[in-house]
Amino acid sequence: MRAWSLITNHGLVLAAISRNSKKTIRQISDEVGITERTAYGIVVDLEKAGYIKRTKVGTRNIYTINHDMPLVNKLSDAPVGDMLALFGWQKTPKIKKTKILDK
């Protein structure tokens, strides 16, 4: 029987990043089971499409996921964060800035 998956490599790379935003391309490729070159290309695709943002910290990258981006599927208007929740990802709450009034 031929091996296949319901989730594409792009989705799997995004899921790997959601589990640890400080992973290297090598760690991502090992987890997903693809080459480093393919993993790098997918990260570039995800960044260009707006699904992730790469921030350079020293010699490493840290990834931030735009969880409100829609899934690229005409059958669903669900955000990508809903898909990542299936992989155990939890949205970190945004800290609301409040102005302290002096009395």
PDB file of N, CA and C in Angstrom:
ATOM      1  N   MET A   1       0.838  -1.180   0.000  1.00  0.00           N
ATOM      2  CA  MET A   1       0.000   0.000   0.000  1.00  0.00           C
ATOM      3  C   MET A   1       0.885   1.246   0.000  1.00  0.00           C
ATOM      4  N   ARG A   2       0.503   2.215  -0.767  1.00  0.00           N
ATOM      5  CA  ARG A   2       1.236   3.460  -0.914  1.00  0.00           C
ATOM      6  C   ARG A   2       1.023   4.363   0.298  1.00  0.00           C
ATOM      7  N   ALA A   3       2.083   5.050   0.764  1.00  0.00           N
ATOM      8  CA  ALA A   3       1.971   5.966   1.902  1.00  0.00           C
ATOM      9  C   ALA A   3       1.400   7.303   1.437  1.00  0.00           C
ATOM     10  N   TRP A   4       0.488   7.869   2.224  1.00  0.00           N
ATOM     11  CA  TRP A   4      -0.091   9.169   1.906  1.00  0.00           C
ATOM     12  C   TRP A   4      -0.592   9.820   3.186  1.00  0.00           C
ATOM     13  N   SER A   5      -0.956  11.082   3.095  1.00  0.00           N
ATOM     14  CA  SER A   5      -1.396  11.835   4.262  1.00  0.00           C
ATOM     15  C   SER A   5      -2.527  12.777   3.877  1.00  0.00           C
ATOM     16  N   LEU A   6      -3.429  13.016   4.799  1.00  0.00           N
ATOM     17  CA  LEU A   6      -4.500  13.979   4.560  1.00  0.00           C
ATOM     18  C   LEU A   6      -3.994  15.418   4.656  1.00  0.00           C
ATOM     19  N   ILE A   7      -2.899  15.617   5.358  1.00  0.00           N
ATOM     20  CA  ILE A   7      -2.328  16.947   5.540  1.00  0.00           C
ATOM     21  C   ILE A   7      -1.093  17.073   4.645  1.00  0.00           C
ATOM     22  N   THR A   8      -0.991  18.168   3.898  1.00  0.00           N
ATOM     23  CA  THR A   8       0.156  18.382   3.012  1.00  0.00           C
ATOM     24  C   THR A   8       1.410  18.690   3.825  1.00  0.00           C
ATOM     25  N   ASN A   9       2.539  18.662   3.159  1.00  0.00           N
ATOM     26  CA  ASN A   9       3.789  19.012   3.825  1.00  0.00           C
ATOM     27  C   ASN A   9       3.770  20.447   4.341  1.00  0.00           C
ATOM     28  N   HIS A  10       3.089  21.346   3.638  1.00  0.00           N
ATOM     29  CA  HIS A  10       2.978  22.726   4.120  1.00  0.00           C
ATOM     30  C   HIS A  10       2.256  22.753   5.469  1.00  0.00           C
ATOM     31  N   GLY A  11       1.182  22.002   5.578  1.00  0.00           N
ATOM     32  CA  GLY A  11       0.455  21.933   6.844  1.00  0.00           C
ATOM     33  C   GLY A  11       1.270  21.285   7.936  1.00  0.00           C
ATOM     34  N   LEU A  12       2.034  20.261   7.583  1.00  0.00           N
ATOM     35  CA  LEU A  12       2.868  19.582   8.577  1.00  0.00           C
ATOM     36  C   LEU A  12       4.011  20.469   9.054  1.00  0.00           C
ATOM     37  N   VAL A  13       4.601  21.247   8.151  1.00  0.00           N
ATOM     38  CA  VAL A  13       5.658  22.184   8.553  1.00  0.00           C
ATOM     39  C   VAL A  13       5.077  23.239   9.482  1.00  0.00           C
ATOM     40  N   LEU A  14       3.918  23.760   9.146  1.00  0.00           N
ATOM     41  CA  LEU A  14       3.268  24.743  10.007  1.00  0.00           C
ATOM     42  C   LEU A  14       2.961  24.144  11.380  1.00  0.00           C
ATOM     43  N   ALA A  15       2.514  22.898  11.412  1.00  0.00           N
ATOM     44  CA  ALA A  15       2.242  22.218  12.685  1.00  0.00           C
ATOM     45  C   ALA A  15       3.526  22.032  13.483  1.00  0.00           C
ATOM     46  N   ALA A  16       4.627  21.681  12.810  1.00  0.00           N
ATOM     47  CA  ALA A  16       5.908  21.513  13.499  1.00  0.00           C
ATOM     48  C   ALA A  16       6.363  22.832  14.113  1.00  0.00           C
ATOM     49  N   ILE A  17       6.198  23.915  13.374  1.00  0.00           N
ATOM     50  CA  ILE A  17       6.561  25.237  13.894  1.00  0.00           C
ATOM     51  C   ILE A  17       5.664  25.604  15.074  1.00  0.00           C
ATOM     52  N   SER A  18       4.396  25.233  15.001  1.00  0.00           N
ATOM     53  CA  SER A  18       3.468  25.588  16.085  1.00  0.00           C
ATOM     54  C   SER A  18       3.825  24.881  17.390  1.00  0.00           C
ATOM     55  N   ARG A  19       4.499  23.760  17.298  1.00  0.00           N
ATOM     56  CA  ARG A  19       4.891  23.009  18.496  1.00  0.00           C
ATOM     57  C   ARG A  19       6.136  23.588  19.154  1.00  0.00           C
ATOM     58  N   ASN A  20       6.970  24.254  18.351  1.00  0.00           N
ATOM     59  CA  ASN A  20       8.189  24.880  18.886  1.00  0.00           C
ATOM     60  C   ASN A  20       8.640  25.927  17.881  1.00  0.00           C
ATOM     61  N   SER A  21       8.425  27.182  18.204  1.00  0.00           N
ATOM     62  CA  SER A  21       8.702  28.278  17.270  1.00  0.00           C
ATOM     63  C   SER A  21      10.193  28.560  17.092  1.00  0.00           C
ATOM     64  N   LYS A  22      11.049  27.846  17.828  1.00  0.00           N
ATOM     65  CA  LYS A  22      12.496  28.066  17.735  1.00  0.00           C
ATOM     66  C   LYS A  22      13.216  26.934  17.008  1.00  0.00           C
ATOM     67  N   LYS A  23      12.464  26.035  16.357  1.00  0.00           N
ATOM     68  CA  LYS A  23      13.087  24.912  15.657  1.00  0.00           C
ATOM     69  C   LYS A  23      13.919  25.388  14.477  1.00  0.00           C
ATOM     70  N   THR A  24      14.977  24.640  14.218  1.00  0.00           N
ATOM     71  CA  THR A  24      15.786  24.898  13.027  1.00  0.00           C
ATOM     72  C   THR A  24      15.130  24.206  11.833  1.00  0.00           C
ATOM     73  N   ILE A  25      15.566  24.597  10.644  1.00  0.00           N
ATOM     74  CA  ILE A  25      15.064  23.950   9.427  1.00  0.00           C
ATOM     75  C   ILE A  25      15.360  22.454   9.478  1.00  0.00           C
ATOM     76  N   ARG A  26      16.531  22.084   9.982  1.00  0.00           N
ATOM     77  CA  ARG A  26      16.875  20.663  10.087  1.00  0.00           C
ATOM     78  C   ARG A  26      15.895  19.937  11.012  1.00  0.00           C
ATOM     79  N   GLN A  27      15.569  20.514  12.155  1.00  0.00           N
ATOM     80  CA  GLN A  27      14.631  19.890  13.086  1.00  0.00           C
ATOM     81  C   GLN A  27      13.243  19.769  12.466  1.00  0.00           C
ATOM     82  N   ILE A  28      12.834  20.805  11.739  1.00  0.00           N
ATOM     83  CA  ILE A  28      11.532  20.760  11.067  1.00  0.00           C
ATOM     84  C   ILE A  28      11.523  19.661  10.017  1.00  0.00           C
ATOM     85  N   SER A  29      12.580  19.594   9.211  1.00  0.00           N
ATOM     86  CA  SER A  29      12.630  18.583   8.147  1.00  0.00           C
ATOM     87  C   SER A  29      12.637  17.169   8.720  1.00  0.00           C
ATOM     88  N   ASP A  30      13.375  16.963   9.806  1.00  0.00           N
ATOM     89  CA  ASP A  30      13.410  15.642  10.443  1.00  0.00           C
ATOM     90  C   ASP A  30      12.035  15.247  10.977  1.00  0.00           C
ATOM     91  N   GLU A  31      11.348  16.200  11.605  1.00  0.00           N
ATOM     92  CA  GLU A  31      10.032  15.901  12.179  1.00  0.00           C
ATOM     93  C   GLU A  31       9.002  15.572  11.104  1.00  0.00           C
ATOM     94  N   VAL A  32       9.047  16.315  10.005  1.00  0.00           N
ATOM     95  CA  VAL A  32       8.063  16.120   8.938  1.00  0.00           C
ATOM     96  C   VAL A  32       8.446  14.952   8.023  1.00  0.00           C
ATOM     97  N   GLY A  33       9.754  14.658   7.943  1.00  0.00           N
ATOM     98  CA  GLY A  33      10.201  13.567   7.075  1.00  0.00           C
ATOM     99  C   GLY A  33      10.455  14.020   5.655  1.00  0.00           C
ATOM    100  N   ILE A  34      10.990  15.235   5.515  1.00  0.00           N
ATOM    101  CA  ILE A  34      11.308  15.794   4.209  1.00  0.00           C
ATOM    102  C   ILE A  34      12.755  16.304   4.252  1.00  0.00           C
ATOM    103  N   THR A  35      13.285  16.673   3.092  1.00  0.00           N
ATOM    104  CA  THR A  35      14.653  17.187   3.058  1.00  0.00           C
ATOM    105  C   THR A  35      14.694  18.606   3.621  1.00  0.00           C
ATOM    106  N   GLU A  36      15.882  19.021   4.035  1.00  0.00           N
ATOM    107  CA  GLU A  36      16.051  20.387   4.536  1.00  0.00           C
ATOM    108  C   GLU A  36      15.715  21.410   3.451  1.00  0.00           C
ATOM    109  N   ARG A  37      16.107  21.122   2.223  1.00  0.00           N
ATOM    110  CA  ARG A  37      15.822  22.035   1.114  1.00  0.00           C
ATOM    111  C   ARG A  37      14.315  22.205   0.922  1.00  0.00           C
ATOM    112  N   THR A  38      13.582  21.101   1.000  1.00  0.00           N
ATOM    113  CA  THR A  38      12.132  21.174   0.867  1.00  0.00           C
ATOM    114  C   THR A  38      11.521  21.931   2.034  1.00  0.00           C
ATOM    115  N   ALA A  39      11.980  21.662   3.256  1.00  0.00           N
ATOM    116  CA  ALA A  39      11.473  22.360   4.442  1.00  0.00           C
ATOM    117  C   ALA A  39      11.727  23.861   4.326  1.00  0.00           C
ATOM    118  N   TYR A  40      12.929  24.231   3.874  1.00  0.00           N
ATOM    119  CA  TYR A  40      13.249  25.648   3.713  1.00  0.00           C
ATOM    120  C   TYR A  40      12.309  26.296   2.690  1.00  0.00           C
ATOM    121  N   GLY A  41      12.088  25.628   1.575  1.00  0.00           N
ATOM    122  CA  GLY A  41      11.184  26.155   0.549  1.00  0.00           C
ATOM    123  C   GLY A  41       9.775  26.345   1.068  1.00  0.00           C
ATOM    124  N   ILE A  42       9.314  25.411   1.890  1.00  0.00           N
ATOM    125  CA  ILE A  42       7.975  25.513   2.465  1.00  0.00           C
ATOM    126  C   ILE A  42       7.901  26.669   3.455  1.00  0.00           C
ATOM    127  N   VAL A  43       8.946  26.849   4.270  1.00  0.00           N
ATOM    128  CA  VAL A  43       8.976  27.975   5.210  1.00  0.00           C
ATOM    129  C   VAL A  43       8.906  29.296   4.438  1.00  0.00           C
ATOM    130  N   VAL A  44       9.641  29.385   3.342  1.00  0.00           N
ATOM    131  CA  VAL A  44       9.595  30.587   2.503  1.00  0.00           C
ATOM    132  C   VAL A  44       8.179  30.788   1.950  1.00  0.00           C
ATOM    133  N   ASP A  45       7.558  29.720   1.453  1.00  0.00           N
ATOM    134  CA  ASP A  45       6.175  29.800   0.952  1.00  0.00           C
ATOM    135  C   ASP A  45       5.227  30.315   2.032  1.00  0.00           C
ATOM    136  N   LEU A  46       5.335  29.738   3.240  1.00  0.00           N
ATOM    137  CA  LEU A  46       4.445  30.120   4.338  1.00  0.00           C
ATOM    138  C   LEU A  46       4.660  31.575   4.741  1.00  0.00           C
ATOM    139  N   GLU A  47       5.908  32.018   4.698  1.00  0.00           N
ATOM    140  CA  GLU A  47       6.203  33.409   5.049  1.00  0.00           C
ATOM    141  C   GLU A  47       5.661  34.364   3.986  1.00  0.00           C
ATOM    142  N   LYS A  48       5.891  34.054   2.727  1.00  0.00           N
ATOM    143  CA  LYS A  48       5.395  34.907   1.639  1.00  0.00           C
ATOM    144  C   LYS A  48       3.872  35.004   1.643  1.00  0.00           C
ATOM    145  N   ALA A  49       3.205  33.903   2.009  1.00  0.00           N
ATOM    146  CA  ALA A  49       1.738  33.885   2.035  1.00  0.00           C
ATOM    147  C   ALA A  49       1.173  34.555   3.289  1.00  0.00           C
ATOM    148  N   GLY A  50       2.025  34.850   4.267  1.00  0.00           N
ATOM    149  CA  GLY A  50       1.567  35.533   5.474  1.00  0.00           C
ATOM    150  C   GLY A  50       1.182  34.627   6.627  1.00  0.00           C
ATOM    151  N   TYR A  51       1.443  33.330   6.498  1.00  0.00           N
ATOM    152  CA  TYR A  51       1.088  32.395   7.571  1.00  0.00           C
ATOM    153  C   TYR A  51       2.064  32.456   8.742  1.00  0.00           C
ATOM    154  N   ILE A  52       3.327  32.774   8.452  1.00  0.00           N
ATOM    155  CA  ILE A  52       4.320  32.894   9.519  1.00  0.00           C
ATOM    156  C   ILE A  52       5.146  34.147   9.291  1.00  0.00           C
ATOM    157  N   LYS A  53       5.791  34.587  10.360  1.00  0.00           N
ATOM    158  CA  LYS A  53       6.756  35.682  10.284  1.00  0.00           C
ATOM    159  C   LYS A  53       8.043  35.154  10.901  1.00  0.00           C
ATOM    160  N   ARG A  54       9.150  35.365  10.197  1.00  0.00           N
ATOM    161  CA  ARG A  54      10.462  34.946  10.678  1.00  0.00           C
ATOM    162  C   ARG A  54      11.167  36.138  11.300  1.00  0.00           C
ATOM    163  N   THR A  55      11.688  35.948  12.506  1.00  0.00           N
ATOM    164  CA  THR A  55      12.466  36.985  13.173  1.00  0.00           C
ATOM    165  C   THR A  55      13.831  36.403  13.499  1.00  0.00           C
ATOM    166  N   LYS A  56      14.861  37.100  13.073  1.00  0.00           N
ATOM    167  CA  LYS A  56      16.225  36.660  13.325  1.00  0.00           C
ATOM    168  C   LYS A  56      16.632  37.084  14.731  1.00  0.00           C
ATOM    169  N   VAL A  57      17.068  36.116  15.542  1.00  0.00           N
ATOM    170  CA  VAL A  57      17.577  36.378  16.890  1.00  0.00           C
ATOM    171  C   VAL A  57      18.952  35.730  16.964  1.00  0.00           C
ATOM    172  N   GLY A  58      19.987  36.564  16.894  1.00  0.00           N
ATOM    173  CA  GLY A  58      21.341  36.018  16.830  1.00  0.00           C
ATOM    174  C   GLY A  58      21.516  35.269  15.521  1.00  0.00           C
ATOM    175  N   THR A  59      21.874  33.999  15.627  1.00  0.00           N
ATOM    176  CA  THR A  59      22.057  33.172  14.432  1.00  0.00           C
ATOM    177  C   THR A  59      20.840  32.294  14.147  1.00  0.00           C
ATOM    178  N   ARG A  60      19.802  32.427  14.940  1.00  0.00           N
ATOM    179  CA  ARG A  60      18.620  31.559  14.804  1.00  0.00           C
ATOM    180  C   ARG A  60      17.404  32.352  14.356  1.00  0.00           C
ATOM    181  N   ASN A  61      16.412  31.621  13.891  1.00  0.00           N
ATOM    182  CA  ASN A  61      15.124  32.204  13.539  1.00  0.00           C
ATOM    183  C   ASN A  61      14.095  31.812  14.585  1.00  0.00           C
ATOM    184  N   ILE A  62      13.202  32.732  14.866  1.00  0.00           N
ATOM    185  CA  ILE A  62      12.030  32.440  15.692  1.00  0.00           C
ATOM    186  C   ILE A  62      10.826  32.740  14.811  1.00  0.00           C
ATOM    187  N   TYR A  63       9.865  31.825  14.815  1.00  0.00           N
ATOM    188  CA  TYR A  63       8.704  31.957  13.956  1.00  0.00           C
ATOM    189  C   TYR A  63       7.475  32.367  14.768  1.00  0.00           C
ATOM    190  N   THR A  64       6.685  33.264  14.197  1.00  0.00           N
ATOM    191  CA  THR A  64       5.416  33.655  14.779  1.00  0.00           C
ATOM    192  C   THR A  64       4.338  33.272  13.778  1.00  0.00           C
ATOM    193  N   ILE A  65       3.302  32.611  14.252  1.00  0.00           N
ATOM    194  CA  ILE A  65       2.219  32.155  13.376  1.00  0.00           C
ATOM    195  C   ILE A  65       1.091  33.177  13.371  1.00  0.00           C
ATOM    196  N   ASN A  66       0.613  33.487  12.187  1.00  0.00           N
ATOM    197  CA  ASN A  66      -0.563  34.342  12.038  1.00  0.00           C
ATOM    198  C   ASN A  66      -1.781  33.414  12.063  1.00  0.00           C
ATOM    199  N   HIS A  67      -2.294  33.167  13.255  1.00  0.00           N
ATOM    200  CA  HIS A  67      -3.356  32.165  13.440  1.00  0.00           C
ATOM    201  C   HIS A  67      -4.693  32.578  12.852  1.00  0.00           C
ATOM    202  N   ASP A  68      -4.840  33.846  12.478  1.00  0.00           N
ATOM    203  CA  ASP A  68      -6.104  34.305  11.902  1.00  0.00           C
ATOM    204  C   ASP A  68      -6.165  34.152  10.386  1.00  0.00           C
ATOM    205  N   MET A  69      -5.056  33.742   9.773  1.00  0.00           N
ATOM    206  CA  MET A  69      -5.057  33.552   8.313  1.00  0.00           C
ATOM    207  C   MET A  69      -6.050  32.446   7.954  1.00  0.00           C
ATOM    208  N   PRO A  70      -6.786  32.636   6.870  1.00  0.00           N
ATOM    209  CA  PRO A  70      -7.731  31.589   6.471  1.00  0.00           C
ATOM    210  C   PRO A  70      -7.002  30.387   5.887  1.00  0.00           C
ATOM    211  N   LEU A  71      -7.600  29.222   6.059  1.00  0.00           N
ATOM    212  CA  LEU A  71      -7.082  28.046   5.376  1.00  0.00           C
ATOM    213  C   LEU A  71      -7.252  28.274   3.880  1.00  0.00           C
ATOM    214  N   VAL A  72      -6.301  27.841   3.107  1.00  0.00           N
ATOM    215  CA  VAL A  72      -6.407  28.022   1.663  1.00  0.00           C
ATOM    216  C   VAL A  72      -7.277  26.898   1.121  1.00  0.00           C
ATOM    217  N   ASN A  73      -8.574  27.073   1.296  1.00  0.00           N
ATOM    218  CA  ASN A  73      -9.522  26.062   0.866  1.00  0.00           C
ATOM    219  C   ASN A  73     -10.866  26.739   0.680  1.00  0.00           C
ATOM    220  N   LYS A  74     -11.433  26.598  -0.479  1.00  0.00           N
ATOM    221  CA  LYS A  74     -12.709  27.243  -0.769  1.00  0.00           C
ATOM    222  C   LYS A  74     -13.866  26.605  -0.006  1.00  0.00           C
ATOM    223  N   LEU A  75     -13.629  25.448   0.609  1.00  0.00           N
ATOM    224  CA  LEU A  75     -14.687  24.759   1.332  1.00  0.00           C
ATOM    225  C   LEU A  75     -14.822  25.222   2.779  1.00  0.00           C
ATOM    226  N   SER A  76     -13.856  26.002   3.255  1.00  0.00           N
ATOM    227  CA  SER A  76     -13.851  26.394   4.660  1.00  0.00           C
ATOM    228  C   SER A  76     -13.367  27.818   4.812  1.00  0.00           C
ATOM    229  N   ASP A  77     -13.980  28.545   5.732  1.00  0.00           N
ATOM    230  CA  ASP A  77     -13.487  29.881   6.056  1.00  0.00           C
ATOM    231  C   ASP A  77     -12.846  29.889   7.445  1.00  0.00           C
ATOM    232  N   ALA A  78     -12.519  28.707   7.945  1.00  0.00           N
ATOM    233  CA  ALA A  78     -11.905  28.581   9.267  1.00  0.00           C
ATOM    234  C   ALA A  78     -10.477  29.125   9.227  1.00  0.00           C
ATOM    235  N   PRO A  79     -10.030  29.738  10.325  1.00  0.00           N
ATOM    236  CA  PRO A  79      -8.656  30.219  10.380  1.00  0.00           C
ATOM    237  C   PRO A  79      -7.678  29.069  10.598  1.00  0.00           C
ATOM    238  N   VAL A  80      -6.428  29.298  10.224  1.00  0.00           N
ATOM    239  CA  VAL A  80      -5.400  28.267  10.343  1.00  0.00           C
ATOM    240  C   VAL A  80      -5.199  27.857  11.808  1.00  0.00           C
ATOM    241  N   GLY A  81      -5.476  28.750  12.754  1.00  0.00           N
ATOM    242  CA  GLY A  81      -5.364  28.416  14.175  1.00  0.00           C
ATOM    243  C   GLY A  81      -6.252  27.253  14.569  1.00  0.00           C
ATOM    244  N   ASP A  82      -7.421  27.133  13.925  1.00  0.00           N
ATOM    245  CA  ASP A  82      -8.322  26.007  14.209  1.00  0.00           C
ATOM    246  C   ASP A  82      -7.683  24.683  13.788  1.00  0.00           C
ATOM    247  N   MET A  83      -7.001  24.682  12.640  1.00  0.00           N
ATOM    248  CA  MET A  83      -6.329  23.466  12.191  1.00  0.00           C
ATOM    249  C   MET A  83      -5.182  23.119  13.139  1.00  0.00           C
ATOM    250  N   LEU A  84      -4.413  24.137  13.540  1.00  0.00           N
ATOM    251  CA  LEU A  84      -3.270  23.890  14.415  1.00  0.00           C
ATOM    252  C   LEU A  84      -3.709  23.386  15.786  1.00  0.00           C
ATOM    253  N   ALA A  85      -4.901  23.755  16.220  1.00  0.00           N
ATOM    254  CA  ALA A  85      -5.416  23.261  17.503  1.00  0.00           C
ATOM    255  C   ALA A  85      -5.543  21.738  17.479  1.00  0.00           C
ATOM    256  N   LEU A  86      -5.775  21.163  16.313  1.00  0.00           N
ATOM    257  CA  LEU A  86      -5.836  19.708  16.189  1.00  0.00           C
ATOM    258  C   LEU A  86      -4.499  19.054  16.521  1.00  0.00           C
ATOM    259  N   PHE A  87      -3.424  19.813  16.351  1.00  0.00           N
ATOM    260  CA  PHE A  87      -2.076  19.321  16.638  1.00  0.00           C
ATOM    261  C   PHE A  87      -1.626  19.690  18.047  1.00  0.00           C
ATOM    262  N   GLY A  88      -2.526  20.264  18.843  1.00  0.00           N
ATOM    263  CA  GLY A  88      -2.205  20.606  20.223  1.00  0.00           C
ATOM    264  C   GLY A  88      -1.727  22.028  20.431  1.00  0.00           C
ATOM    265  N   TRP A  89      -1.709  22.838  19.377  1.00  0.00           N
ATOM    266  CA  TRP A  89      -1.268  24.223  19.490  1.00  0.00           C
ATOM    267  C   TRP A  89      -2.309  25.030  20.241  1.00  0.00           C
ATOM    268  N   GLN A  90      -1.846  25.911  21.104  1.00  0.00           N
ATOM    269  CA  GLN A  90      -2.754  26.789  21.832  1.00  0.00           C
ATOM    270  C   GLN A  90      -2.363  28.228  21.575  1.00  0.00           C
ATOM    271  N   LYS A  91      -3.342  29.007  21.241  1.00  0.00           N
ATOM    272  CA  LYS A  91      -3.126  30.432  20.982  1.00  0.00           C
ATOM    273  C   LYS A  91      -2.716  31.112  22.279  1.00  0.00           C
ATOM    274  N   THR A  92      -1.644  31.877  22.216  1.00  0.00           N
ATOM    275  CA  THR A  92      -1.245  32.635  23.396  1.00  0.00           C
ATOM    276  C   THR A  92      -2.052  33.921  23.402  1.00  0.00           C
ATOM    277  N   PRO A  93      -2.673  34.217  24.520  1.00  0.00           N
ATOM    278  CA  PRO A  93      -3.520  35.413  24.565  1.00  0.00           C
ATOM    279  C   PRO A  93      -2.687  36.683  24.394  1.00  0.00           C
ATOM    280  N   LYS A  94      -3.251  37.622  23.656  1.00  0.00           N
ATOM    281  CA  LYS A  94      -2.584  38.907  23.493  1.00  0.00           C
ATOM    282  C   LYS A  94      -2.768  39.710  24.773  1.00  0.00           C
ATOM    283  N   ILE A  95      -1.724  40.379  25.167  1.00  0.00           N
ATOM    284  CA  ILE A  95      -1.777  41.198  26.378  1.00  0.00           C
ATOM    285  C   ILE A  95      -2.374  42.550  25.994  1.00  0.00           C
ATOM    286  N   LYS A  96      -3.441  42.903  26.666  1.00  0.00           N
ATOM    287  CA  LYS A  96      -4.080  44.176  26.408  1.00  0.00           C
ATOM    288  C   LYS A  96      -3.360  45.262  27.191  1.00  0.00           C
ATOM    289  N   LYS A  97      -3.059  46.337  26.502  1.00  0.00           N
ATOM    290  CA  LYS A  97      -2.413  47.455  27.163  1.00  0.00           C
ATOM    291  C   LYS A  97      -3.504  48.348  27.752  1.00  0.00           C
ATOM    292  N   THR A  98      -3.364  48.651  29.008  1.00  0.00           N
ATOM    293  CA  THR A  98      -4.325  49.540  29.650  1.00  0.00           C
ATOM    294  C   THR A  98      -3.588  50.779  30.137  1.00  0.00           C
ATOM    295  N   LYS A  99      -4.257  51.853  30.065  1.00  0.00           N
ATOM    296  CA  LYS A  99      -3.668  53.088  30.522  1.00  0.00           C
ATOM    297  C   LYS A  99      -4.024  53.292  31.975  1.00  0.00           C
ATOM    298  N   ILE A 100      -3.011  53.541  32.791  1.00  0.00           N
ATOM    299  CA  ILE A 100      -3.239  53.764  34.216  1.00  0.00           C
ATOM    300  C   ILE A 100      -3.447  55.259  34.422  1.00  0.00           C
ATOM    301  N   LEU A 101      -4.563  55.567  35.011  1.00  0.00           N
ATOM    302  CA  LEU A 101      -4.893  56.969  35.247  1.00  0.00           C
ATOM    303  C   LEU A 101      -4.411  57.378  36.634  1.00  0.00           C
ATOM    304  N   ASP A 102      -3.731  58.513  36.673  1.00  0.00           N
ATOM    305  CA  ASP A 102      -3.297  59.045  37.969  1.00  0.00           C
ATOM    306  C   ASP A 102      -4.473  59.719  38.660  1.00  0.00           C
ATOM    307  N   LYS A 103      -4.550  59.555  39.951  1.00  0.00           N
ATOM    308  CA  LYS A 103      -5.651  60.175  40.708  1.00  0.00           C
ATOM    309  C   LYS A 103      -5.191  61.427  41.383  1.00  0.00           C
TER     310      LYS A 103
END
